[in-house]
Amino acid sequence: MELGTFLVMKNWKKTAYEVVVVRSWWMWVVIVFCYLFYSHGIRKKNEQQADLQARLIGLESMQLLALQEREDLLLQINSQSDPDWIELTLKKGLGVVPEGQVKVYFKKEE
């Protein structure tokens, strides 16, 4: 390798280092700040996404319970004209026994 070529390459590296690092230090500072803001924003977004996902799961379970309760209430409303349903409700809710049947009550011992 010739001495002139070697000096040109050495000067080129020195010039490149000087341009990229020394003269453009403010650019590197801006890049670091941008990265810090970006990473902070991503972390906040992930936290919010996890929170919203948990809330969604809770709301879906509440919706399922509400739909089941609605279906039970509609079934009760539609069954109110049925004599068998009325008899069953009286037996369960009030403890009424039809004539001809004996009511047996078991007392728990303490």
PDB file of N, CA and C in Angstrom:
ATOM      1  N   MET A   1       0.851  -1.163   0.000  1.00  0.00           N
ATOM      2  CA  MET A   1       0.000   0.000   0.000  1.00  0.00           C
ATOM      3  C   MET A   1       0.900   1.232   0.000  1.00  0.00           C
ATOM      4  N   GLU A   2       0.564   2.148  -0.779  1.00  0.00           N
ATOM      5  CA  GLU A   2       1.373   3.360  -0.885  1.00  0.00           C
ATOM      6  C   GLU A   2       1.140   4.256   0.320  1.00  0.00           C
ATOM      7  N   LEU A   3       2.124   5.045   0.612  1.00  0.00           N
ATOM      8  CA  LEU A   3       2.058   5.954   1.748  1.00  0.00           C
ATOM      9  C   LEU A   3       0.984   7.018   1.542  1.00  0.00           C
ATOM     10  N   GLY A   4       0.833   7.499   0.345  1.00  0.00           N
ATOM     11  CA  GLY A   4      -0.170   8.531   0.045  1.00  0.00           C
ATOM     12  C   GLY A   4      -1.587   8.004   0.243  1.00  0.00           C
ATOM     13  N   THR A   5      -1.823   6.781  -0.214  1.00  0.00           N
ATOM     14  CA  THR A   5      -3.142   6.168  -0.048  1.00  0.00           C
ATOM     15  C   THR A   5      -3.441   5.948   1.424  1.00  0.00           C
ATOM     16  N   PHE A   6      -2.436   5.512   2.169  1.00  0.00           N
ATOM     17  CA  PHE A   6      -2.595   5.275   3.597  1.00  0.00           C
ATOM     18  C   PHE A   6      -2.936   6.566   4.330  1.00  0.00           C
ATOM     19  N   LEU A   7      -2.257   7.654   3.982  1.00  0.00           N
ATOM     20  CA  LEU A   7      -2.521   8.938   4.626  1.00  0.00           C
ATOM     21  C   LEU A   7      -3.909   9.465   4.269  1.00  0.00           C
ATOM     22  N   VAL A   8      -4.322   9.234   3.024  1.00  0.00           N
ATOM     23  CA  VAL A   8      -5.663   9.673   2.611  1.00  0.00           C
ATOM     24  C   VAL A   8      -6.720   8.904   3.394  1.00  0.00           C
ATOM     25  N   MET A   9      -6.525   7.582   3.550  1.00  0.00           N
ATOM     26  CA  MET A   9      -7.490   6.771   4.300  1.00  0.00           C
ATOM     27  C   MET A   9      -7.506   7.182   5.766  1.00  0.00           C
ATOM     28  N   LYS A  10      -6.330   7.465   6.332  1.00  0.00           N
ATOM     29  CA  LYS A  10      -6.250   7.881   7.721  1.00  0.00           C
ATOM     30  C   LYS A  10      -6.937   9.234   7.901  1.00  0.00           C
ATOM     31  N   ASN A  11      -6.693  10.149   6.981  1.00  0.00           N
ATOM     32  CA  ASN A  11      -7.345  11.460   7.042  1.00  0.00           C
ATOM     33  C   ASN A  11      -8.858  11.331   6.848  1.00  0.00           C
ATOM     34  N   TRP A  12      -9.269  10.425   5.994  1.00  0.00           N
ATOM     35  CA  TRP A  12     -10.703  10.218   5.755  1.00  0.00           C
ATOM     36  C   TRP A  12     -11.388   9.724   7.020  1.00  0.00           C
ATOM     37  N   LYS A  13     -10.751   8.772   7.710  1.00  0.00           N
ATOM     38  CA  LYS A  13     -11.323   8.261   8.959  1.00  0.00           C
ATOM     39  C   LYS A  13     -11.381   9.361  10.012  1.00  0.00           C
ATOM     40  N   LYS A  14     -10.312  10.144  10.091  1.00  0.00           N
ATOM     41  CA  LYS A  14     -10.278  11.237  11.055  1.00  0.00           C
ATOM     42  C   LYS A  14     -11.346  12.271  10.732  1.00  0.00           C
ATOM     43  N   THR A  15     -11.505  12.580   9.461  1.00  0.00           N
ATOM     44  CA  THR A  15     -12.513  13.548   9.038  1.00  0.00           C
ATOM     45  C   THR A  15     -13.921  13.014   9.304  1.00  0.00           C
ATOM     46  N   ALA A  16     -14.135  11.753   9.010  1.00  0.00           N
ATOM     47  CA  ALA A  16     -15.456  11.159   9.255  1.00  0.00           C
ATOM     48  C   ALA A  16     -15.779  11.171  10.740  1.00  0.00           C
ATOM     49  N   TYR A  17     -14.820  10.811  11.572  1.00  0.00           N
ATOM     50  CA  TYR A  17     -15.016  10.832  13.023  1.00  0.00           C
ATOM     51  C   TYR A  17     -15.339  12.245  13.487  1.00  0.00           C
ATOM     52  N   GLU A  18     -14.604  13.196  12.975  1.00  0.00           N
ATOM     53  CA  GLU A  18     -14.806  14.584  13.370  1.00  0.00           C
ATOM     54  C   GLU A  18     -16.193  15.076  12.967  1.00  0.00           C
ATOM     55  N   VAL A  19     -16.642  14.718  11.770  1.00  0.00           N
ATOM     56  CA  VAL A  19     -17.951  15.175  11.291  1.00  0.00           C
ATOM     57  C   VAL A  19     -19.076  14.484  12.064  1.00  0.00           C
ATOM     58  N   VAL A  20     -18.961  13.174  12.236  1.00  0.00           N
ATOM     59  CA  VAL A  20     -20.064  12.409  12.840  1.00  0.00           C
ATOM     60  C   VAL A  20     -20.149  12.615  14.343  1.00  0.00           C
ATOM     61  N   VAL A  21     -19.043  12.625  15.031  1.00  0.00           N
ATOM     62  CA  VAL A  21     -19.082  12.662  16.490  1.00  0.00           C
ATOM     63  C   VAL A  21     -18.886  14.071  17.048  1.00  0.00           C
ATOM     64  N   VAL A  22     -17.839  14.728  16.652  1.00  0.00           N
ATOM     65  CA  VAL A  22     -17.479  15.998  17.282  1.00  0.00           C
ATOM     66  C   VAL A  22     -18.410  17.120  16.859  1.00  0.00           C
ATOM     67  N   ARG A  23     -18.625  17.286  15.586  1.00  0.00           N
ATOM     68  CA  ARG A  23     -19.455  18.398  15.113  1.00  0.00           C
ATOM     69  C   ARG A  23     -20.948  18.129  15.289  1.00  0.00           C
ATOM     70  N   SER A  24     -21.321  16.875  15.347  1.00  0.00           N
ATOM     71  CA  SER A  24     -22.753  16.537  15.420  1.00  0.00           C
ATOM     72  C   SER A  24     -23.142  15.978  16.784  1.00  0.00           C
ATOM     73  N   TRP A  25     -22.519  16.420  17.851  1.00  0.00           N
ATOM     74  CA  TRP A  25     -22.841  15.909  19.179  1.00  0.00           C
ATOM     75  C   TRP A  25     -24.293  16.189  19.553  1.00  0.00           C
ATOM     76  N   TRP A  26     -24.802  17.334  19.121  1.00  0.00           N
ATOM     77  CA  TRP A  26     -26.188  17.696  19.431  1.00  0.00           C
ATOM     78  C   TRP A  26     -27.162  16.723  18.791  1.00  0.00           C
ATOM     79  N   MET A  27     -26.802  16.176  17.614  1.00  0.00           N
ATOM     80  CA  MET A  27     -27.668  15.208  16.948  1.00  0.00           C
ATOM     81  C   MET A  27     -27.790  13.938  17.794  1.00  0.00           C
ATOM     82  N   TRP A  28     -26.688  13.504  18.384  1.00  0.00           N
ATOM     83  CA  TRP A  28     -26.721  12.308  19.219  1.00  0.00           C
ATOM     84  C   TRP A  28     -27.540  12.553  20.482  1.00  0.00           C
ATOM     85  N   VAL A  29     -27.444  13.749  21.025  1.00  0.00           N
ATOM     86  CA  VAL A  29     -28.247  14.088  22.204  1.00  0.00           C
ATOM     87  C   VAL A  29     -29.731  14.044  21.854  1.00  0.00           C
ATOM     88  N   VAL A  30     -30.092  14.590  20.710  1.00  0.00           N
ATOM     89  CA  VAL A  30     -31.489  14.571  20.267  1.00  0.00           C
ATOM     90  C   VAL A  30     -31.961  13.136  20.048  1.00  0.00           C
ATOM     91  N   ILE A  31     -31.124  12.308  19.453  1.00  0.00           N
ATOM     92  CA  ILE A  31     -31.491  10.905  19.217  1.00  0.00           C
ATOM     93  C   ILE A  31     -31.723  10.185  20.540  1.00  0.00           C
ATOM     94  N   VAL A  32     -30.867  10.421  21.527  1.00  0.00           N
ATOM     95  CA  VAL A  32     -31.038   9.786  22.842  1.00  0.00           C
ATOM     96  C   VAL A  32     -32.336  10.252  23.492  1.00  0.00           C
ATOM     97  N   PHE A  33     -32.620  11.548  23.451  1.00  0.00           N
ATOM     98  CA  PHE A  33     -33.870  12.053  24.018  1.00  0.00           C
ATOM     99  C   PHE A  33     -35.083  11.468  23.298  1.00  0.00           C
ATOM    100  N   CYS A  34     -35.009  11.391  21.989  1.00  0.00           N
ATOM    101  CA  CYS A  34     -36.122  10.797  21.232  1.00  0.00           C
ATOM    102  C   CYS A  34     -36.347   9.349  21.638  1.00  0.00           C
ATOM    103  N   TYR A  35     -35.272   8.605  21.802  1.00  0.00           N
ATOM    104  CA  TYR A  35     -35.403   7.207  22.214  1.00  0.00           C
ATOM    105  C   TYR A  35     -36.018   7.107  23.606  1.00  0.00           C
ATOM    106  N   LEU A  36     -35.592   7.978  24.526  1.00  0.00           N
ATOM    107  CA  LEU A  36     -36.148   7.954  25.881  1.00  0.00           C
ATOM    108  C   LEU A  36     -37.646   8.257  25.864  1.00  0.00           C
ATOM    109  N   PHE A  37     -38.051   9.271  25.112  1.00  0.00           N
ATOM    110  CA  PHE A  37     -39.476   9.592  25.015  1.00  0.00           C
ATOM    111  C   PHE A  37     -40.253   8.458  24.359  1.00  0.00           C
ATOM    112  N   TYR A  38     -39.694   7.859  23.350  1.00  0.00           N
ATOM    113  CA  TYR A  38     -40.341   6.742  22.658  1.00  0.00           C
ATOM    114  C   TYR A  38     -40.525   5.554  23.601  1.00  0.00           C
ATOM    115  N   SER A  39     -39.477   5.185  24.331  1.00  0.00           N
ATOM    116  CA  SER A  39     -39.583   4.033  25.231  1.00  0.00           C
ATOM    117  C   SER A  39     -40.576   4.308  26.357  1.00  0.00           C
ATOM    118  N   HIS A  40     -40.606   5.546  26.848  1.00  0.00           N
ATOM    119  CA  HIS A  40     -41.578   5.901  27.884  1.00  0.00           C
ATOM    120  C   HIS A  40     -43.008   5.798  27.345  1.00  0.00           C
ATOM    121  N   GLY A  41     -43.223   6.282  26.148  1.00  0.00           N
ATOM    122  CA  GLY A  41     -44.550   6.209  25.534  1.00  0.00           C
ATOM    123  C   GLY A  41     -44.992   4.776  25.290  1.00  0.00           C
ATOM    124  N   ILE A  42     -44.082   3.936  24.845  1.00  0.00           N
ATOM    125  CA  ILE A  42     -44.423   2.528  24.611  1.00  0.00           C
ATOM    126  C   ILE A  42     -44.787   1.847  25.923  1.00  0.00           C
ATOM    127  N   ARG A  43     -44.034   2.132  26.984  1.00  0.00           N
ATOM    128  CA  ARG A  43     -44.321   1.529  28.285  1.00  0.00           C
ATOM    129  C   ARG A  43     -45.705   1.957  28.780  1.00  0.00           C
ATOM    130  N   LYS A  44     -46.019   3.244  28.657  1.00  0.00           N
ATOM    131  CA  LYS A  44     -47.334   3.738  29.081  1.00  0.00           C
ATOM    132  C   LYS A  44     -48.450   3.102  28.257  1.00  0.00           C
ATOM    133  N   LYS A  45     -48.215   2.969  26.952  1.00  0.00           N
ATOM    134  CA  LYS A  45     -49.219   2.362  26.081  1.00  0.00           C
ATOM    135  C   LYS A  45     -49.468   0.912  26.477  1.00  0.00           C
ATOM    136  N   ASN A  46     -48.419   0.175  26.783  1.00  0.00           N
ATOM    137  CA  ASN A  46     -48.573  -1.220  27.181  1.00  0.00           C
ATOM    138  C   ASN A  46     -49.310  -1.347  28.510  1.00  0.00           C
ATOM    139  N   GLU A  47     -49.031  -0.434  29.452  1.00  0.00           N
ATOM    140  CA  GLU A  47     -49.748  -0.441  30.726  1.00  0.00           C
ATOM    141  C   GLU A  47     -51.232  -0.169  30.509  1.00  0.00           C
ATOM    142  N   GLN A  48     -51.545   0.814  29.681  1.00  0.00           N
ATOM    143  CA  GLN A  48     -52.943   1.131  29.403  1.00  0.00           C
ATOM    144  C   GLN A  48     -53.636  -0.021  28.694  1.00  0.00           C
ATOM    145  N   GLN A  49     -52.937  -0.666  27.791  1.00  0.00           N
ATOM    146  CA  GLN A  49     -53.519  -1.786  27.064  1.00  0.00           C
ATOM    147  C   GLN A  49     -53.831  -2.936  28.021  1.00  0.00           C
ATOM    148  N   ALA A  50     -52.934  -3.225  28.959  1.00  0.00           N
ATOM    149  CA  ALA A  50     -53.177  -4.286  29.937  1.00  0.00           C
ATOM    150  C   ALA A  50     -54.356  -3.929  30.835  1.00  0.00           C
ATOM    151  N   ASP A  51     -54.438  -2.662  31.243  1.00  0.00           N
ATOM    152  CA  ASP A  51     -55.549  -2.216  32.081  1.00  0.00           C
ATOM    153  C   ASP A  51     -56.879  -2.329  31.339  1.00  0.00           C
ATOM    154  N   LEU A  52     -56.899  -1.897  30.099  1.00  0.00           N
ATOM    155  CA  LEU A  52     -58.132  -1.976  29.311  1.00  0.00           C
ATOM    156  C   LEU A  52     -58.520  -3.423  29.027  1.00  0.00           C
ATOM    157  N   GLN A  53     -57.540  -4.293  28.837  1.00  0.00           N
ATOM    158  CA  GLN A  53     -57.828  -5.707  28.603  1.00  0.00           C
ATOM    159  C   GLN A  53     -58.469  -6.323  29.850  1.00  0.00           C
ATOM    160  N   ALA A  54     -57.953  -5.980  31.031  1.00  0.00           N
ATOM    161  CA  ALA A  54     -58.534  -6.482  32.279  1.00  0.00           C
ATOM    162  C   ALA A  54     -59.957  -5.959  32.457  1.00  0.00           C
ATOM    163  N   ARG A  55     -60.173  -4.689  32.152  1.00  0.00           N
ATOM    164  CA  ARG A  55     -61.526  -4.131  32.256  1.00  0.00           C
ATOM    165  C   ARG A  55     -62.477  -4.803  31.273  1.00  0.00           C
ATOM    166  N   LEU A  56     -61.987  -5.106  30.066  1.00  0.00           N
ATOM    167  CA  LEU A  56     -62.812  -5.776  29.065  1.00  0.00           C
ATOM    168  C   LEU A  56     -63.236  -7.153  29.548  1.00  0.00           C
ATOM    169  N   ILE A  57     -62.321  -7.896  30.139  1.00  0.00           N
ATOM    170  CA  ILE A  57     -62.647  -9.227  30.649  1.00  0.00           C
ATOM    171  C   ILE A  57     -63.695  -9.118  31.757  1.00  0.00           C
ATOM    172  N   GLY A  58     -63.530  -8.135  32.641  1.00  0.00           N
ATOM    173  CA  GLY A  58     -64.517  -7.922  33.704  1.00  0.00           C
ATOM    174  C   GLY A  58     -65.886  -7.557  33.154  1.00  0.00           C
ATOM    175  N   LEU A  59     -65.919  -6.687  32.166  1.00  0.00           N
ATOM    176  CA  LEU A  59     -67.200  -6.288  31.573  1.00  0.00           C
ATOM    177  C   LEU A  59     -67.861  -7.440  30.827  1.00  0.00           C
ATOM    178  N   GLU A  60     -67.057  -8.274  30.172  1.00  0.00           N
ATOM    179  CA  GLU A  60     -67.634  -9.425  29.471  1.00  0.00           C
ATOM    180  C   GLU A  60     -68.245 -10.408  30.453  1.00  0.00           C
ATOM    181  N   SER A  61     -67.599 -10.627  31.601  1.00  0.00           N
ATOM    182  CA  SER A  61     -68.174 -11.532  32.599  1.00  0.00           C
ATOM    183  C   SER A  61     -69.446 -10.934  33.202  1.00  0.00           C
ATOM    184  N   MET A  62     -69.444  -9.611  33.427  1.00  0.00           N
ATOM    185  CA  MET A  62     -70.661  -8.966  33.929  1.00  0.00           C
ATOM    186  C   MET A  62     -71.788  -9.066  32.908  1.00  0.00           C
ATOM    187  N   GLN A  63     -71.461  -8.923  31.635  1.00  0.00           N
ATOM    188  CA  GLN A  63     -72.469  -9.033  30.581  1.00  0.00           C
ATOM    189  C   GLN A  63     -73.053 -10.439  30.550  1.00  0.00           C
ATOM    190  N   LEU A  64     -72.211 -11.447  30.703  1.00  0.00           N
ATOM    191  CA  LEU A  64     -72.682 -12.825  30.701  1.00  0.00           C
ATOM    192  C   LEU A  64     -73.629 -13.077  31.867  1.00  0.00           C
ATOM    193  N   LEU A  65     -73.272 -12.566  33.057  1.00  0.00           N
ATOM    194  CA  LEU A  65     -74.152 -12.721  34.218  1.00  0.00           C
ATOM    195  C   LEU A  65     -75.477 -11.991  34.002  1.00  0.00           C
ATOM    196  N   ALA A  66     -75.425 -10.798  33.436  1.00  0.00           N
ATOM    197  CA  ALA A  66     -76.651 -10.030  33.193  1.00  0.00           C
ATOM    198  C   ALA A  66     -77.544 -10.739  32.174  1.00  0.00           C
ATOM    199  N   LEU A  67     -76.944 -11.324  31.145  1.00  0.00           N
ATOM    200  CA  LEU A  67     -77.739 -12.054  30.152  1.00  0.00           C
ATOM    201  C   LEU A  67     -78.385 -13.294  30.758  1.00  0.00           C
ATOM    202  N   GLN A  68     -77.665 -13.990  31.641  1.00  0.00           N
ATOM    203  CA  GLN A  68     -78.244 -15.161  32.301  1.00  0.00           C
ATOM    204  C   GLN A  68     -79.398 -14.750  33.211  1.00  0.00           C
ATOM    205  N   GLU A  69     -79.205 -13.663  33.954  1.00  0.00           N
ATOM    206  CA  GLU A  69     -80.269 -13.180  34.835  1.00  0.00           C
ATOM    207  C   GLU A  69     -81.481 -12.733  34.013  1.00  0.00           C
ATOM    208  N   ARG A  70     -81.232 -12.069  32.900  1.00  0.00           N
ATOM    209  CA  ARG A  70     -82.324 -11.629  32.027  1.00  0.00           C
ATOM    210  C   ARG A  70     -83.106 -12.825  31.504  1.00  0.00           C
ATOM    211  N   GLU A  71     -82.378 -13.871  31.102  1.00  0.00           N
ATOM    212  CA  GLU A  71     -83.048 -15.063  30.583  1.00  0.00           C
ATOM    213  C   GLU A  71     -83.881 -15.736  31.668  1.00  0.00           C
ATOM    214  N   ASP A  72     -83.344 -15.795  32.894  1.00  0.00           N
ATOM    215  CA  ASP A  72     -84.101 -16.379  34.004  1.00  0.00           C
ATOM    216  C   ASP A  72     -85.361 -15.563  34.296  1.00  0.00           C
ATOM    217  N   LEU A  73     -85.224 -14.235  34.294  1.00  0.00           N
ATOM    218  CA  LEU A  73     -86.385 -13.388  34.560  1.00  0.00           C
ATOM    219  C   LEU A  73     -87.439 -13.514  33.460  1.00  0.00           C
ATOM    220  N   LEU A  74     -87.001 -13.580  32.204  1.00  0.00           N
ATOM    221  CA  LEU A  74     -87.958 -13.769  31.112  1.00  0.00           C
ATOM    222  C   LEU A  74     -88.664 -15.112  31.228  1.00  0.00           C
ATOM    223  N   LEU A  75     -87.924 -16.133  31.634  1.00  0.00           N
ATOM    224  CA  LEU A  75     -88.528 -17.451  31.824  1.00  0.00           C
ATOM    225  C   LEU A  75     -89.568 -17.391  32.936  1.00  0.00           C
ATOM    226  N   GLN A  76     -89.261 -16.688  34.028  1.00  0.00           N
ATOM    227  CA  GLN A  76     -90.218 -16.563  35.128  1.00  0.00           C
ATOM    228  C   GLN A  76     -91.452 -15.781  34.690  1.00  0.00           C
ATOM    229  N   ILE A  77     -91.244 -14.711  33.938  1.00  0.00           N
ATOM    230  CA  ILE A  77     -92.380 -13.910  33.468  1.00  0.00           C
ATOM    231  C   ILE A  77     -93.273 -14.738  32.559  1.00  0.00           C
ATOM    232  N   ASN A  78     -92.676 -15.482  31.659  1.00  0.00           N
ATOM    233  CA  ASN A  78     -93.462 -16.294  30.728  1.00  0.00           C
ATOM    234  C   ASN A  78     -94.130 -17.475  31.417  1.00  0.00           C
ATOM    235  N   SER A  79     -93.621 -17.898  32.569  1.00  0.00           N
ATOM    236  CA  SER A  79     -94.174 -19.064  33.258  1.00  0.00           C
ATOM    237  C   SER A  79     -95.237 -18.697  34.282  1.00  0.00           C
ATOM    238  N   GLN A  80     -95.507 -17.429  34.505  1.00  0.00           N
ATOM    239  CA  GLN A  80     -96.427 -17.033  35.567  1.00  0.00           C
ATOM    240  C   GLN A  80     -97.858 -17.488  35.322  1.00  0.00           C
ATOM    241  N   SER A  81     -98.219 -17.739  34.110  1.00  0.00           N
ATOM    242  CA  SER A  81     -99.581 -18.204  33.842  1.00  0.00           C
ATOM    243  C   SER A  81     -99.684 -19.725  33.928  1.00  0.00           C
ATOM    244  N   ASP A  82     -98.592 -20.416  34.122  1.00  0.00           N
ATOM    245  CA  ASP A  82     -98.582 -21.878  34.203  1.00  0.00           C
ATOM    246  C   ASP A  82     -98.903 -22.307  35.641  1.00  0.00           C
ATOM    247  N   PRO A  83     -99.951 -23.118  35.848  1.00  0.00           N
ATOM    248  CA  PRO A  83    -100.330 -23.538  37.210  1.00  0.00           C
ATOM    249  C   PRO A  83     -99.237 -24.362  37.901  1.00  0.00           C
ATOM    250  N   ASP A  84     -98.532 -25.176  37.148  1.00  0.00           N
ATOM    251  CA  ASP A  84     -97.457 -25.971  37.757  1.00  0.00           C
ATOM    252  C   ASP A  84     -96.341 -25.068  38.287  1.00  0.00           C
ATOM    253  N   TRP A  85     -96.033 -24.008  37.551  1.00  0.00           N
ATOM    254  CA  TRP A  85     -94.994 -23.083  37.994  1.00  0.00           C
ATOM    255  C   TRP A  85     -95.443 -22.351  39.257  1.00  0.00           C
ATOM    256  N   ILE A  86     -96.702 -21.947  39.320  1.00  0.00           N
ATOM    257  CA  ILE A  86     -97.232 -21.262  40.502  1.00  0.00           C
ATOM    258  C   ILE A  86     -97.139 -22.180  41.712  1.00  0.00           C
ATOM    259  N   GLU A  87     -97.503 -23.445  41.532  1.00  0.00           N
ATOM    260  CA  GLU A  87     -97.429 -24.410  42.633  1.00  0.00           C
ATOM    261  C   GLU A  87     -95.979 -24.601  43.090  1.00  0.00           C
ATOM    262  N   LEU A  88     -95.073 -24.718  42.160  1.00  0.00           N
ATOM    263  CA  LEU A  88     -93.658 -24.886  42.496  1.00  0.00           C
ATOM    264  C   LEU A  88     -93.122 -23.664  43.236  1.00  0.00           C
ATOM    265  N   THR A  89     -93.525 -22.482  42.811  1.00  0.00           N
ATOM    266  CA  THR A  89     -93.082 -21.258  43.471  1.00  0.00           C
ATOM    267  C   THR A  89     -93.621 -21.187  44.895  1.00  0.00           C
ATOM    268  N   LEU A  90     -94.870 -21.557  45.077  1.00  0.00           N
ATOM    269  CA  LEU A  90     -95.443 -21.555  46.425  1.00  0.00           C
ATOM    270  C   LEU A  90     -94.744 -22.572  47.319  1.00  0.00           C
ATOM    271  N   LYS A  91     -94.409 -23.713  46.759  1.00  0.00           N
ATOM    272  CA  LYS A  91     -93.713 -24.733  47.549  1.00  0.00           C
ATOM    273  C   LYS A  91     -92.321 -24.252  47.959  1.00  0.00           C
ATOM    274  N   LYS A  92     -91.584 -23.703  47.009  1.00  0.00           N
ATOM    275  CA  LYS A  92     -90.209 -23.283  47.299  1.00  0.00           C
ATOM    276  C   LYS A  92     -90.159 -22.019  48.154  1.00  0.00           C
ATOM    277  N   GLY A  93     -90.910 -21.020  47.765  1.00  0.00           N
ATOM    278  CA  GLY A  93     -90.811 -19.721  48.420  1.00  0.00           C
ATOM    279  C   GLY A  93     -91.502 -19.658  49.767  1.00  0.00           C
ATOM    280  N   LEU A  94     -92.703 -20.179  49.839  1.00  0.00           N
ATOM    281  CA  LEU A  94     -93.493 -20.037  51.062  1.00  0.00           C
ATOM    282  C   LEU A  94     -93.568 -21.313  51.881  1.00  0.00           C
ATOM    283  N   GLY A  95     -93.191 -22.423  51.294  1.00  0.00           N
ATOM    284  CA  GLY A  95     -93.262 -23.691  52.015  1.00  0.00           C
ATOM    285  C   GLY A  95     -94.675 -24.253  52.073  1.00  0.00           C
ATOM    286  N   VAL A  96     -95.535 -23.834  51.162  1.00  0.00           N
ATOM    287  CA  VAL A  96     -96.922 -24.300  51.124  1.00  0.00           C
ATOM    288  C   VAL A  96     -96.953 -25.718  50.560  1.00  0.00           C
ATOM    289  N   VAL A  97     -97.819 -26.553  51.163  1.00  0.00           N
ATOM    290  CA  VAL A  97     -97.970 -27.931  50.698  1.00  0.00           C
ATOM    291  C   VAL A  97     -99.416 -28.112  50.239  1.00  0.00           C
ATOM    292  N   PRO A  98     -99.630 -28.736  49.079  1.00  0.00           N
ATOM    293  CA  PRO A  98    -101.001 -28.955  48.624  1.00  0.00           C
ATOM    294  C   PRO A  98    -101.755 -29.919  49.548  1.00  0.00           C
ATOM    295  N   GLU A  99    -103.060 -29.852  49.477  1.00  0.00           N
ATOM    296  CA  GLU A  99    -103.879 -30.739  50.307  1.00  0.00           C
ATOM    297  C   GLU A  99    -103.603 -32.187  49.932  1.00  0.00           C
ATOM    298  N   GLY A 100    -103.560 -33.026  50.934  1.00  0.00           N
ATOM    299  CA  GLY A 100    -103.316 -34.438  50.705  1.00  0.00           C
ATOM    300  C   GLY A 100    -101.849 -34.816  50.793  1.00  0.00           C
ATOM    301  N   GLN A 101    -100.961 -33.853  50.872  1.00  0.00           N
ATOM    302  CA  GLN A 101     -99.537 -34.151  51.014  1.00  0.00           C
ATOM    303  C   GLN A 101     -99.087 -33.750  52.412  1.00  0.00           C
ATOM    304  N   VAL A 102     -98.076 -34.444  52.899  1.00  0.00           N
ATOM    305  CA  VAL A 102     -97.558 -34.179  54.238  1.00  0.00           C
ATOM    306  C   VAL A 102     -96.230 -33.430  54.102  1.00  0.00           C
ATOM    307  N   LYS A 103     -96.132 -32.410  54.903  1.00  0.00           N
ATOM    308  CA  LYS A 103     -94.895 -31.626  54.895  1.00  0.00           C
ATOM    309  C   LYS A 103     -93.981 -32.171  55.983  1.00  0.00           C
ATOM    310  N   VAL A 104     -92.749 -32.497  55.590  1.00  0.00           N
ATOM    311  CA  VAL A 104     -91.770 -33.023  56.542  1.00  0.00           C
ATOM    312  C   VAL A 104     -90.693 -31.959  56.714  1.00  0.00           C
ATOM    313  N   TYR A 105     -90.411 -31.649  57.969  1.00  0.00           N
ATOM    314  CA  TYR A 105     -89.420 -30.622  58.270  1.00  0.00           C
ATOM    315  C   TYR A 105     -88.320 -31.262  59.107  1.00  0.00           C
ATOM    316  N   PHE A 106     -87.091 -31.138  58.657  1.00  0.00           N
ATOM    317  CA  PHE A 106     -85.946 -31.682  59.373  1.00  0.00           C
ATOM    318  C   PHE A 106     -85.240 -30.546  60.099  1.00  0.00           C
ATOM    319  N   LYS A 107     -85.107 -30.706  61.402  1.00  0.00           N
ATOM    320  CA  LYS A 107     -84.455 -29.681  62.205  1.00  0.00           C
ATOM    321  C   LYS A 107     -82.984 -30.050  62.358  1.00  0.00           C
ATOM    322  N   LYS A 108     -82.125 -29.080  62.111  1.00  0.00           N
ATOM    323  CA  LYS A 108     -80.691 -29.316  62.259  1.00  0.00           C
ATOM    324  C   LYS A 108     -80.316 -29.276  63.730  1.00  0.00           C
ATOM    325  N   GLU A 109     -79.533 -30.258  64.124  1.00  0.00           N
ATOM    326  CA  GLU A 109     -79.051 -30.275  65.503  1.00  0.00           C
ATOM    327  C   GLU A 109     -77.756 -29.484  65.577  1.00  0.00           C
ATOM    328  N   GLU A 110     -77.631 -28.725  66.631  1.00  0.00           N
ATOM    329  CA  GLU A 110     -76.432 -27.898  66.773  1.00  0.00           C
ATOM    330  C   GLU A 110     -75.488 -28.486  67.772  1.00  0.00           C
TER     331      GLU A 110
END
